[in-house]
Amino acid sequence: MSVRQQVLMLWLASPSLEAHVLGWSFFDGTSGTGPQPATDPPYPTGVAALVDGWRLLQMSPMIPPTSGHEREPSFLKHEFVFERLID
């Protein structure tokens, strides 16, 4: 059997991996044959995902808001992308 990838995206309350999860998305390249997240969200923090074996692939850059637009709606900041490989 070949190795398949699962991707977990977590949006945290701050740029720290120890911050609590505000939102998440899960993408499963195993067609459901690998372990599945059982709760919403699957982890309370980014560190908890690392402890469970997820590998951190990417962190969002620290971009300050444009002056005068600090309170306008925008994209979710503090995005972290994790992966794990499943046989």
Protein backbone atom coordinates (compact mmCIF):
# COMPACT_ATOMS: atom_id res chain seq x y z
CA MET A 1 0.00 0.00 0.00
CA SER A 2 1.21 3.50 -0.72
CA VAL A 3 1.58 6.33 1.77
CA ARG A 4 -1.31 8.82 1.82
CA GLN A 5 -1.45 12.33 3.24
CA GLN A 6 -3.89 13.95 5.64
CA VAL A 7 -3.87 17.74 6.01
CA LEU A 8 -5.16 19.64 9.03
CA MET A 9 -5.53 23.42 9.01
CA LEU A 10 -5.94 25.16 12.36
CA TRP A 11 -6.75 28.83 12.92
CA LEU A 12 -5.56 29.88 16.37
CA ALA A 13 -6.40 32.84 18.61
CA SER A 14 -2.84 34.19 18.39
CA PRO A 15 0.41 33.40 16.55
CA SER A 16 1.49 31.03 19.34
CA LEU A 17 1.05 27.29 18.80
CA GLU A 18 -0.14 27.22 22.42
CA ALA A 19 -3.18 29.43 21.62
CA HIS A 20 -6.64 27.86 21.48
CA VAL A 21 -8.20 26.79 18.19
CA LEU A 22 -10.84 29.10 16.69
CA GLY A 23 -11.50 27.14 13.48
CA TRP A 24 -10.28 24.11 11.57
CA SER A 25 -10.44 22.18 8.29
CA PHE A 26 -9.45 18.58 7.61
CA PHE A 27 -8.59 17.06 4.22
CA ASP A 28 -8.19 13.32 3.91
CA GLY A 29 -6.10 11.77 1.15
CA THR A 30 -6.71 8.29 2.59
CA SER A 31 -10.34 8.15 1.38
CA GLY A 32 -11.42 7.68 4.99
CA THR A 33 -9.20 4.67 5.67
CA GLY A 34 -6.85 6.57 8.00
CA PRO A 35 -7.56 7.96 11.49
CA GLN A 36 -10.29 10.60 11.48
CA PRO A 37 -10.73 13.61 13.80
CA ALA A 38 -13.42 12.69 16.31
CA THR A 39 -14.23 16.09 17.80
CA ASP A 40 -14.82 19.66 16.76
CA PRO A 41 -12.10 20.98 16.89
CA PRO A 42 -9.88 17.89 16.93
CA TYR A 43 -7.26 19.58 19.16
CA PRO A 44 -7.45 22.42 21.68
CA THR A 45 -4.11 23.93 20.54
CA GLY A 46 -1.51 23.57 17.81
CA VAL A 47 0.91 22.00 20.29
CA ALA A 48 -1.63 19.24 20.98
CA ALA A 49 -1.61 18.39 17.25
CA LEU A 50 2.19 18.15 17.32
CA VAL A 51 2.06 15.87 20.36
CA ASP A 52 -0.38 13.60 18.47
CA GLY A 53 2.10 13.19 15.60
CA TRP A 54 1.06 15.89 13.12
CA ARG A 55 3.93 17.67 11.35
CA LEU A 56 3.81 21.46 11.03
CA LEU A 57 4.19 22.51 7.39
CA GLN A 58 3.37 26.20 7.36
CA MET A 59 2.55 29.16 9.59
CA SER A 60 0.88 32.32 8.36
CA PRO A 61 3.10 35.40 8.22
CA MET A 62 2.67 38.13 10.80
CA ILE A 63 0.97 40.91 8.83
CA PRO A 64 -0.15 43.99 10.79
CA PRO A 65 -3.51 45.52 9.81
CA THR A 66 -3.48 48.59 7.62
CA SER A 67 -3.82 51.75 9.66
CA GLY A 68 -7.48 52.72 9.97
CA HIS A 69 -8.73 49.22 9.06
CA GLU A 70 -7.99 47.39 12.33
CA ARG A 71 -11.66 46.65 13.07
CA GLU A 72 -12.81 45.59 9.58
CA PRO A 73 -13.60 41.93 8.82
CA SER A 74 -10.83 40.08 7.05
CA PHE A 75 -9.38 36.59 6.62
CA LEU A 76 -8.65 34.41 9.64
CA LYS A 77 -5.13 35.11 10.84
CA HIS A 78 -2.78 32.72 12.59
CA GLU A 79 -3.28 29.79 10.20
CA PHE A 80 -1.20 26.68 10.77
CA VAL A 81 -1.06 23.80 8.28
CA PHE A 82 -0.20 20.31 9.56
CA GLU A 83 0.18 16.96 7.79
CA ARG A 84 0.51 13.33 8.70
CA LEU A 85 1.35 10.43 6.44
CA ILE A 86 -0.70 7.22 6.70
CA ASP A 87 0.32 3.82 5.29
